[in-house]
Amino acid sequence: MGFVDYQADSGLGIITLADSRNGNRLNRESLTELSQAFNKAIMHDEIRSILLRSNGKNFSLGMDLNFLQSVRGDKSTSVEAVSLYTDLLLKIFESPKPVIALIYGDVKAGGTGLVAACDIVIASDDTTFELSEILLGLIPANVLPFLFSLRIPPQKARYLIMTAKRLTAEEARALNMIDEVYPLAELEKGTKAVIKSLFRAAPFAVAATKDFTRKLLSTTIDEACNLARDTLLELITRDDVSDGIQAFNEGSTPAWFAKCKLSTPLVRIDEDTKE
C-alpha cells in the first residue's frame, strides 16, 4: 500500500492515511487501499478495535480534485468513483468492530465523511472541520447520511454546507461531531484511555450495539421495542453472557477483558510533513 498503511498492534487495527504530502486527499487508489485495510481489520479475529488516523499535520483535505475531473466525462467511471467513497463509508459504519477516528489538523469535505462514519471521534484542540463542496458547485451528498443521521440535526447541516463554515474543535464538539477533545500533548493518553475501555467490552455485545443502533435509525417506536426484546433475549441465552455475569458475581473478570499493550505511538506526525 502506498497511500494507506495498515498494522495490527496488540489487538488494535491501525489504519493510517499516509499521503500527507498531498493532504491525504482521497482518490481511486487511496479509497481502494482504505477499503482493503478495513477488510483486513474486520476479518482479522484478533483485532478488537480499529483506529483511523493520518501521518501528517492534517487528517484529510477531502477529495482529490484532479481525480474528480478525470472521471466526470464518463458516466460509468463517475458511478465507480462515487461508489468507491460511499461504499467505504458504509463499510466503516457497518463494521462489527468499533472504529475510532483520531484526528488533528484540518478535516475538509470528504474527510469529514470518513470521520462521521466512525463510532468514536477523538480530536486535538487544533482540529478544524469544513464542508467546502458548495464552493465547487457540489454538495456533500454521500457524507450527509452519516453526518446528520448520526451526529447533527438536518437544519444545522444545511447551515454548515451552505456557508462552508470552518469549525474549531470546540465548535465541532458542541455540535456532536467530536466526542473528546484534547491538547495535542494529551491526545495520546486520552486515546489510549478510550481503547482501554473498548478492550473491556464483550466483542459480541459491541457488535450487537452497532447493529441495534443502526436498525433504530429506520424503525417506529413499536418496532424498536420489539427489536429490543428480541436482541436482549438472544444475548441472555448466550453461554458467554452467563459466564460474564458469574465472573462479576465472583469478583473476577470476564474472559473477554483484554489489555492493549501498544508497541508504537498512536499520534503520528511524521517529521518530513511538518511545516
Foldseek 3Di string as FASTA:
>chain_A
DQQWDWDAAQQEIEIEREPVVVQSADAPVNLVVLQVSLVVLLPDPSHQAYEYAYQAQFGHAYHDVVRVVVQVVDPVSNVVGVCSLLVSLVSQLLRLHAYEYEGHDEQEASSLLNLLSGDAYEYEQAYKYFNAVVVVVDGSVSSVCSDCLPFAPPVVSVVRGVVRDIGTPVRCVVSRSHDYYHHPVCRQVVVLVVVLVSQQDDSVVSSLVSVLVVVVSPDDPVVNVVSVVVSVVVVVPDPQVVQQVVCVVVVHGRPSRGHRDGPDTPDHHDPVNDD
